Amino acid sequence: MTDHSLKVFPGSWPLTVVCGASGTGRTRFAYALAARYNGHVIDTGDVLEAVRAMTGPEQHPELSYDDAEDWRDLVETEGTGPWPKQPLTGTAEELAAARLRAADVLAPAVRAVIAQQPRLHLDGHYEFPHTVITGRHALPTLAWDFAVVLTETEEQVHANLAARYRNDPSLGLRVRTSMLVQEELLRRGREHDRTHVHCRVVFTAARPWSDAVTRARSEMNDYWDYRNALG
């Protein structure tokens, strides 16, 4: 969030979905993107917690799973830093599949939150402020204006996760899971871009970080101008 009031800028768009596997800088990128246009961020993790609080494993077993991206269950170990109390179990394929199943089940709840975003009355028109959707359950298929799929190399994902999960015995498993999730997000992004003519999916490398948001915005601007020129 920014310290300024929300605004709608001429030529901007109301909704961008930012997707990325753990270790790509997804959250940092999403907040930087929202800040460019005094927008706000919806994190799918908050939607997940709300749904979990109102339901249970019996109703939505897909939402109760061993999450390779869940950072809450950490313990501080002297001299080693924070790492999970228990090593992850299962294969990278199983963890990635569980994460994506949860995202698919959660999608209707995220869409409901998107649909209830406040509208602003500006110059006689009702407009939506720029909203950025992100989180570990954000999917390109949630987008109707723009989606950004943020990508990173396996080496850099390893470095990023190692900085957070120091001495974690499951680090290698987390990295492999992230790369499988990234592969599937890319596949879904390409499919969504191909089949939804009014939505643009932008594939952005996280590095160099200094201009990652600028590169994504440039491609989005070019497409927005092109689409508007066609009416």
C-alpha atoms as a PDB file:
ATOM      1  CA  MET A   1       0.000   0.000   0.000  1.00  0.00           C
ATOM      2  CA  THR A   2       1.059   3.590  -0.462  1.00  0.00           C
ATOM      3  CA  ASP A   3       0.495   6.592   1.787  1.00  0.00           C
ATOM      4  CA  HIS A   4      -1.573   8.307  -0.911  1.00  0.00           C
ATOM      5  CA  SER A   5      -5.267   7.943  -1.559  1.00  0.00           C
ATOM      6  CA  LEU A   6      -6.304   5.539  -4.272  1.00  0.00           C
ATOM      7  CA  LYS A   7      -6.593   7.064  -7.700  1.00  0.00           C
ATOM      8  CA  VAL A   8      -7.552   5.951 -11.166  1.00  0.00           C
ATOM      9  CA  PHE A   9      -5.161   7.258 -13.784  1.00  0.00           C
ATOM     10  CA  PRO A  10      -6.291   7.810 -17.371  1.00  0.00           C
ATOM     11  CA  GLY A  11      -5.213   4.914 -19.533  1.00  0.00           C
ATOM     12  CA  SER A  12      -4.604   2.600 -16.584  1.00  0.00           C
ATOM     13  CA  TRP A  13      -6.394  -0.708 -16.009  1.00  0.00           C
ATOM     14  CA  PRO A  14      -8.255  -1.899 -12.930  1.00  0.00           C
ATOM     15  CA  LEU A  15      -6.905  -5.399 -12.389  1.00  0.00           C
ATOM     16  CA  THR A  16      -3.555  -7.160 -12.704  1.00  0.00           C
ATOM     17  CA  VAL A  17      -2.832 -10.657 -11.403  1.00  0.00           C
ATOM     18  CA  VAL A  18       0.794 -11.291 -10.396  1.00  0.00           C
ATOM     19  CA  CYS A  19       1.751 -14.980 -10.317  1.00  0.00           C
ATOM     20  CA  GLY A  20       4.993 -16.634  -9.395  1.00  0.00           C
ATOM     21  CA  ALA A  21       6.427 -19.545  -7.487  1.00  0.00           C
ATOM     22  CA  SER A  22       8.024 -19.192  -4.087  1.00  0.00           C
ATOM     23  CA  GLY A  23      11.445 -17.573  -4.342  1.00  0.00           C
ATOM     24  CA  THR A  24      10.724 -15.433  -7.417  1.00  0.00           C
ATOM     25  CA  GLY A  25      10.065 -12.148  -5.576  1.00  0.00           C
ATOM     26  CA  ARG A  26       6.352 -12.315  -6.423  1.00  0.00           C
ATOM     27  CA  THR A  27       5.094 -10.354  -3.397  1.00  0.00           C
ATOM     28  CA  ARG A  28       7.762  -7.664  -3.641  1.00  0.00           C
ATOM     29  CA  PHE A  29       7.006  -7.231  -7.346  1.00  0.00           C
ATOM     30  CA  ALA A  30       3.235  -7.000  -6.753  1.00  0.00           C
ATOM     31  CA  TYR A  31       3.531  -4.258  -4.147  1.00  0.00           C
ATOM     32  CA  ALA A  32       5.991  -2.321  -6.296  1.00  0.00           C
ATOM     33  CA  LEU A  33       3.589  -2.564  -9.237  1.00  0.00           C
ATOM     34  CA  ALA A  34       0.621  -1.393  -7.155  1.00  0.00           C
ATOM     35  CA  ALA A  35       2.635   1.517  -5.797  1.00  0.00           C
ATOM     36  CA  ARG A  36       3.238   2.835  -9.310  1.00  0.00           C
ATOM     37  CA  TYR A  37      -0.448   3.741  -9.615  1.00  0.00           C
ATOM     38  CA  ASN A  38      -1.477   4.167  -5.968  1.00  0.00           C
ATOM     39  CA  GLY A  39      -3.260   0.839  -6.212  1.00  0.00           C
ATOM     40  CA  HIS A  40      -3.886  -1.811  -3.614  1.00  0.00           C
ATOM     41  CA  VAL A  41      -3.007  -5.474  -3.241  1.00  0.00           C
ATOM     42  CA  ILE A  42      -5.209  -8.474  -2.524  1.00  0.00           C
ATOM     43  CA  ASP A  43      -3.245 -11.481  -1.272  1.00  0.00           C
ATOM     44  CA  THR A  44      -4.815 -14.859  -1.950  1.00  0.00           C
ATOM     45  CA  GLY A  45      -3.310 -16.049   1.331  1.00  0.00           C
ATOM     46  CA  ASP A  46      -5.791 -13.828   3.171  1.00  0.00           C
ATOM     47  CA  VAL A  47      -8.653 -15.323   1.160  1.00  0.00           C
ATOM     48  CA  LEU A  48      -7.376 -18.806   2.006  1.00  0.00           C
ATOM     49  CA  GLU A  49      -7.327 -18.076   5.736  1.00  0.00           C
ATOM     50  CA  ALA A  50     -10.876 -16.681   5.611  1.00  0.00           C
ATOM     51  CA  VAL A  51     -12.149 -19.788   3.813  1.00  0.00           C
ATOM     52  CA  ARG A  52     -10.284 -22.103   6.199  1.00  0.00           C
ATOM     53  CA  ALA A  53     -11.784 -20.295   9.199  1.00  0.00           C
ATOM     54  CA  MET A  54     -15.320 -20.817   7.907  1.00  0.00           C
ATOM     55  CA  THR A  55     -14.941 -24.368   6.622  1.00  0.00           C
ATOM     56  CA  GLY A  56     -12.885 -27.431   7.422  1.00  0.00           C
ATOM     57  CA  PRO A  57     -11.023 -30.362   5.880  1.00  0.00           C
ATOM     58  CA  GLU A  58     -14.303 -32.219   5.428  1.00  0.00           C
ATOM     59  CA  GLN A  59     -15.694 -29.533   3.090  1.00  0.00           C
ATOM     60  CA  HIS A  60     -12.487 -28.543   1.310  1.00  0.00           C
ATOM     61  CA  PRO A  61      -9.774 -31.160   1.882  1.00  0.00           C
ATOM     62  CA  GLU A  62      -7.708 -29.582  -0.925  1.00  0.00           C
ATOM     63  CA  LEU A  63      -7.187 -26.487   1.244  1.00  0.00           C
ATOM     64  CA  SER A  64      -5.675 -28.478   4.118  1.00  0.00           C
ATOM     65  CA  TYR A  65      -2.361 -29.718   2.805  1.00  0.00           C
ATOM     66  CA  ASP A  66       1.373 -29.676   3.441  1.00  0.00           C
ATOM     67  CA  ASP A  67       2.362 -26.399   1.797  1.00  0.00           C
ATOM     68  CA  ALA A  68       5.945 -25.961   0.610  1.00  0.00           C
ATOM     69  CA  GLU A  69       5.386 -22.188   0.667  1.00  0.00           C
ATOM     70  CA  ASP A  70       3.892 -21.854   4.133  1.00  0.00           C
ATOM     71  CA  TRP A  71       6.201 -19.744   6.301  1.00  0.00           C
ATOM     72  CA  ARG A  72       4.143 -19.678   9.491  1.00  0.00           C
ATOM     73  CA  ASP A  73       5.290 -22.876  11.164  1.00  0.00           C
ATOM     74  CA  LEU A  74       8.831 -21.730  11.930  1.00  0.00           C
ATOM     75  CA  VAL A  75      10.974 -22.165  15.014  1.00  0.00           C
ATOM     76  CA  GLU A  76      14.039 -20.089  15.898  1.00  0.00           C
ATOM     77  CA  THR A  77      17.039 -22.346  16.495  1.00  0.00           C
ATOM     78  CA  GLU A  78      20.030 -20.672  18.105  1.00  0.00           C
ATOM     79  CA  GLY A  79      22.859 -20.240  15.653  1.00  0.00           C
ATOM     80  CA  THR A  80      20.919 -21.548  12.685  1.00  0.00           C
ATOM     81  CA  GLY A  81      18.032 -19.118  12.238  1.00  0.00           C
ATOM     82  CA  PRO A  82      14.369 -19.889  11.588  1.00  0.00           C
ATOM     83  CA  TRP A  83      13.382 -23.130   9.897  1.00  0.00           C
ATOM     84  CA  PRO A  84      10.285 -25.343   9.931  1.00  0.00           C
ATOM     85  CA  LYS A  85       9.637 -27.520  12.974  1.00  0.00           C
ATOM     86  CA  GLN A  86       9.226 -30.590  10.782  1.00  0.00           C
ATOM     87  CA  PRO A  87      10.820 -31.407   7.411  1.00  0.00           C
ATOM     88  CA  LEU A  88       8.426 -31.521   4.481  1.00  0.00           C
ATOM     89  CA  THR A  89       7.154 -34.906   3.432  1.00  0.00           C
ATOM     90  CA  GLY A  90       6.304 -36.112  -0.052  1.00  0.00           C
ATOM     91  CA  THR A  91       7.842 -35.487  -3.441  1.00  0.00           C
ATOM     92  CA  ALA A  92       8.181 -32.166  -5.252  1.00  0.00           C
ATOM     93  CA  GLU A  93       5.584 -33.383  -7.740  1.00  0.00           C
ATOM     94  CA  GLU A  94       3.123 -34.125  -4.936  1.00  0.00           C
ATOM     95  CA  LEU A  95       3.705 -30.779  -3.200  1.00  0.00           C
ATOM     96  CA  ALA A  96       3.372 -28.801  -6.428  1.00  0.00           C
ATOM     97  CA  ALA A  97       0.193 -30.653  -7.386  1.00  0.00           C
ATOM     98  CA  ALA A  98      -1.322 -30.020  -3.946  1.00  0.00           C
ATOM     99  CA  ARG A  99      -0.513 -26.321  -4.164  1.00  0.00           C
ATOM    100  CA  LEU A 100      -2.116 -26.018  -7.594  1.00  0.00           C
ATOM    101  CA  ARG A 101      -5.190 -28.027  -6.569  1.00  0.00           C
ATOM    102  CA  ALA A 102      -5.677 -25.634  -3.665  1.00  0.00           C
ATOM    103  CA  ALA A 103      -5.363 -22.662  -6.015  1.00  0.00           C
ATOM    104  CA  ASP A 104      -8.029 -24.108  -8.300  1.00  0.00           C
ATOM    105  CA  VAL A 105     -10.420 -24.747  -5.403  1.00  0.00           C
ATOM    106  CA  LEU A 106      -9.801 -21.270  -3.967  1.00  0.00           C
ATOM    107  CA  ALA A 107     -10.302 -19.479  -7.308  1.00  0.00           C
ATOM    108  CA  PRO A 108     -14.086 -18.859  -6.921  1.00  0.00           C
ATOM    109  CA  ALA A 109     -13.504 -17.210  -3.530  1.00  0.00           C
ATOM    110  CA  VAL A 110     -10.756 -14.990  -4.978  1.00  0.00           C
ATOM    111  CA  ARG A 111     -13.024 -14.012  -7.884  1.00  0.00           C
ATOM    112  CA  ALA A 112     -15.771 -13.105  -5.396  1.00  0.00           C
ATOM    113  CA  VAL A 113     -13.375 -10.794  -3.540  1.00  0.00           C
ATOM    114  CA  ILE A 114     -12.271  -9.233  -6.832  1.00  0.00           C
ATOM    115  CA  ALA A 115     -15.885  -8.586  -7.842  1.00  0.00           C
ATOM    116  CA  GLN A 116     -16.570  -6.718  -4.593  1.00  0.00           C
ATOM    117  CA  GLN A 117     -13.779  -4.187  -4.948  1.00  0.00           C
ATOM    118  CA  PRO A 118     -14.961  -0.624  -4.202  1.00  0.00           C
ATOM    119  CA  ARG A 119     -15.744   1.698  -7.081  1.00  0.00           C
ATOM    120  CA  LEU A 120     -14.790   5.362  -7.093  1.00  0.00           C
ATOM    121  CA  HIS A 121     -16.957   8.155  -8.502  1.00  0.00           C
ATOM    122  CA  LEU A 122     -14.649  10.334 -10.580  1.00  0.00           C
ATOM    123  CA  ASP A 123     -15.668  12.943 -13.163  1.00  0.00           C
ATOM    124  CA  GLY A 124     -19.184  11.573 -13.343  1.00  0.00           C
ATOM    125  CA  HIS A 125     -18.053   7.971 -13.897  1.00  0.00           C
ATOM    126  CA  TYR A 126     -17.660   5.026 -11.566  1.00  0.00           C
ATOM    127  CA  GLU A 127     -14.215   3.509 -11.858  1.00  0.00           C
ATOM    128  CA  PHE A 128     -12.306   0.774 -10.093  1.00  0.00           C
ATOM    129  CA  PRO A 129      -8.948   1.625  -8.469  1.00  0.00           C
ATOM    130  CA  HIS A 130      -5.997  -0.348  -9.768  1.00  0.00           C
ATOM    131  CA  THR A 131      -6.067  -3.697  -7.986  1.00  0.00           C
ATOM    132  CA  VAL A 132      -3.178  -6.177  -7.917  1.00  0.00           C
ATOM    133  CA  ILE A 133      -3.946  -9.796  -7.044  1.00  0.00           C
ATOM    134  CA  THR A 134      -1.036 -11.897  -5.826  1.00  0.00           C
ATOM    135  CA  GLY A 135      -0.131 -14.698  -3.451  1.00  0.00           C
ATOM    136  CA  ARG A 136       0.867 -18.324  -3.702  1.00  0.00           C
ATOM    137  CA  HIS A 137      -2.599 -19.218  -5.002  1.00  0.00           C
ATOM    138  CA  ALA A 138      -2.786 -16.525  -7.685  1.00  0.00           C
ATOM    139  CA  LEU A 139      -3.341 -17.996 -11.140  1.00  0.00           C
ATOM    140  CA  PRO A 140      -3.159 -16.415 -14.615  1.00  0.00           C
ATOM    141  CA  THR A 141      -6.724 -17.608 -15.217  1.00  0.00           C
ATOM    142  CA  LEU A 142      -7.984 -15.128 -12.602  1.00  0.00           C
ATOM    143  CA  ALA A 143      -7.089 -12.243 -14.925  1.00  0.00           C
ATOM    144  CA  TRP A 144      -9.407 -10.487 -17.330  1.00  0.00           C
ATOM    145  CA  ASP A 145      -7.168  -7.462 -18.029  1.00  0.00           C
ATOM    146  CA  PHE A 146      -3.564  -8.417 -17.345  1.00  0.00           C
ATOM    147  CA  ALA A 147      -1.568 -11.164 -15.682  1.00  0.00           C
ATOM    148  CA  VAL A 148       2.144 -11.100 -14.960  1.00  0.00           C
ATOM    149  CA  VAL A 149       3.951 -14.422 -14.570  1.00  0.00           C
ATOM    150  CA  LEU A 150       7.203 -13.663 -12.763  1.00  0.00           C
ATOM    151  CA  THR A 151       9.990 -16.149 -13.443  1.00  0.00           C
ATOM    152  CA  GLU A 152      13.365 -16.886 -11.908  1.00  0.00           C
ATOM    153  CA  THR A 153      16.239 -19.293 -12.486  1.00  0.00           C
ATOM    154  CA  GLU A 154      16.574 -22.374 -10.298  1.00  0.00           C
ATOM    155  CA  GLU A 155      19.896 -21.103  -8.988  1.00  0.00           C
ATOM    156  CA  GLN A 156      18.357 -17.809  -7.874  1.00  0.00           C
ATOM    157  CA  VAL A 157      15.267 -19.482  -6.390  1.00  0.00           C
ATOM    158  CA  HIS A 158      17.640 -21.635  -4.340  1.00  0.00           C
ATOM    159  CA  ALA A 159      19.540 -18.554  -3.147  1.00  0.00           C
ATOM    160  CA  ASN A 160      16.343 -16.670  -2.288  1.00  0.00           C
ATOM    161  CA  LEU A 161      14.811 -19.544  -0.339  1.00  0.00           C
ATOM    162  CA  ALA A 162      18.102 -20.344   1.395  1.00  0.00           C
ATOM    163  CA  ALA A 163      18.199 -16.784   2.733  1.00  0.00           C
ATOM    164  CA  ARG A 164      14.836 -17.379   4.428  1.00  0.00           C
ATOM    165  CA  TYR A 165      15.094 -21.058   5.333  1.00  0.00           C
ATOM    166  CA  ARG A 166      18.579 -21.200   6.771  1.00  0.00           C
ATOM    167  CA  ASN A 167      19.737 -24.783   7.404  1.00  0.00           C
ATOM    168  CA  ASP A 168      16.345 -26.137   6.382  1.00  0.00           C
ATOM    169  CA  PRO A 169      16.669 -29.864   5.585  1.00  0.00           C
ATOM    170  CA  SER A 170      13.792 -29.481   3.090  1.00  0.00           C
ATOM    171  CA  LEU A 171      15.397 -26.663   1.108  1.00  0.00           C
ATOM    172  CA  GLY A 172      16.137 -28.751  -1.974  1.00  0.00           C
ATOM    173  CA  LEU A 173      12.589 -30.088  -1.978  1.00  0.00           C
ATOM    174  CA  ARG A 174      11.190 -26.558  -1.762  1.00  0.00           C
ATOM    175  CA  VAL A 175      13.318 -25.430  -4.689  1.00  0.00           C
ATOM    176  CA  ARG A 176      12.231 -28.353  -6.870  1.00  0.00           C
ATOM    177  CA  THR A 177       8.608 -27.687  -5.943  1.00  0.00           C
ATOM    178  CA  SER A 178       8.950 -24.037  -6.908  1.00  0.00           C
ATOM    179  CA  MET A 179      10.380 -24.898 -10.305  1.00  0.00           C
ATOM    180  CA  LEU A 180       7.510 -27.313 -11.015  1.00  0.00           C
ATOM    181  CA  VAL A 181       4.977 -24.685  -9.960  1.00  0.00           C
ATOM    182  CA  GLN A 182       6.700 -22.121 -12.194  1.00  0.00           C
ATOM    183  CA  GLU A 183       6.529 -24.512 -15.140  1.00  0.00           C
ATOM    184  CA  GLU A 184       2.787 -25.006 -14.650  1.00  0.00           C
ATOM    185  CA  LEU A 185       2.122 -21.272 -14.209  1.00  0.00           C
ATOM    186  CA  LEU A 186       3.919 -20.657 -17.500  1.00  0.00           C
ATOM    187  CA  ARG A 187       1.842 -23.320 -19.213  1.00  0.00           C
ATOM    188  CA  ARG A 188      -1.419 -21.936 -17.856  1.00  0.00           C
ATOM    189  CA  GLY A 189      -0.348 -18.403 -18.671  1.00  0.00           C
ATOM    190  CA  ARG A 190       0.364 -19.252 -22.311  1.00  0.00           C
ATOM    191  CA  GLU A 191      -2.970 -21.049 -22.606  1.00  0.00           C
ATOM    192  CA  HIS A 192      -4.891 -18.156 -21.041  1.00  0.00           C
ATOM    193  CA  ASP A 193      -3.126 -15.647 -23.270  1.00  0.00           C
ATOM    194  CA  ARG A 194      -4.003 -17.708 -26.337  1.00  0.00           C
ATOM    195  CA  THR A 195      -7.672 -18.310 -25.527  1.00  0.00           C
ATOM    196  CA  HIS A 196      -8.682 -14.976 -23.932  1.00  0.00           C
ATOM    197  CA  VAL A 197      -8.264 -12.290 -26.563  1.00  0.00           C
ATOM    198  CA  HIS A 198      -9.050  -9.397 -24.193  1.00  0.00           C
ATOM    199  CA  CYS A 199      -6.498 -10.438 -21.575  1.00  0.00           C
ATOM    200  CA  ARG A 200      -2.744 -10.073 -21.900  1.00  0.00           C
ATOM    201  CA  VAL A 201      -0.359 -12.351 -20.023  1.00  0.00           C
ATOM    202  CA  VAL A 202       3.092 -10.837 -19.577  1.00  0.00           C
ATOM    203  CA  PHE A 203       6.022 -13.156 -18.861  1.00  0.00           C
ATOM    204  CA  THR A 204       8.647 -11.231 -16.909  1.00  0.00           C
ATOM    205  CA  ALA A 205      12.074 -12.348 -15.698  1.00  0.00           C
ATOM    206  CA  ALA A 206      12.642 -11.173 -12.135  1.00  0.00           C
ATOM    207  CA  ARG A 207      16.261 -10.238 -12.889  1.00  0.00           C
ATOM    208  CA  PRO A 208      17.503  -7.616 -13.172  1.00  0.00           C
ATOM    209  CA  TRP A 209      15.226  -6.593 -10.333  1.00  0.00           C
ATOM    210  CA  SER A 210      15.886  -2.847 -10.748  1.00  0.00           C
ATOM    211  CA  ASP A 211      13.705  -2.614 -13.866  1.00  0.00           C
ATOM    212  CA  ALA A 212      11.436  -5.672 -13.573  1.00  0.00           C
ATOM    213  CA  VAL A 213       8.296  -3.599 -12.930  1.00  0.00           C
ATOM    214  CA  THR A 214       9.238  -1.130 -15.669  1.00  0.00           C
ATOM    215  CA  ARG A 215       9.694  -3.938 -18.203  1.00  0.00           C
ATOM    216  CA  ALA A 216       6.338  -5.467 -17.355  1.00  0.00           C
ATOM    217  CA  ARG A 217       4.574  -2.096 -17.434  1.00  0.00           C
ATOM    218  CA  SER A 218       6.107  -1.252 -20.790  1.00  0.00           C
ATOM    219  CA  GLU A 219       4.690  -4.394 -22.393  1.00  0.00           C
ATOM    220  CA  MET A 220       1.333  -3.828 -20.719  1.00  0.00           C
ATOM    221  CA  ASN A 221       1.219  -0.219 -21.898  1.00  0.00           C
ATOM    222  CA  ASP A 222       2.013  -1.227 -25.477  1.00  0.00           C
ATOM    223  CA  TYR A 223      -0.785  -3.781 -25.467  1.00  0.00           C
ATOM    224  CA  TRP A 224      -3.240  -1.407 -23.767  1.00  0.00           C
ATOM    225  CA  ASP A 225      -2.603   1.284 -26.371  1.00  0.00           C
ATOM    226  CA  TYR A 226      -2.925  -1.275 -29.174  1.00  0.00           C
ATOM    227  CA  ARG A 227      -6.212  -2.622 -27.815  1.00  0.00           C
ATOM    228  CA  ASN A 228      -7.675   0.843 -27.317  1.00  0.00           C
ATOM    229  CA  ALA A 229      -6.654   1.858 -30.839  1.00  0.00           C
ATOM    230  CA  LEU A 230      -8.673  -1.064 -32.157  1.00  0.00           C
ATOM    231  CA  GLY A 231     -11.660   0.063 -30.099  1.00  0.00           C
END
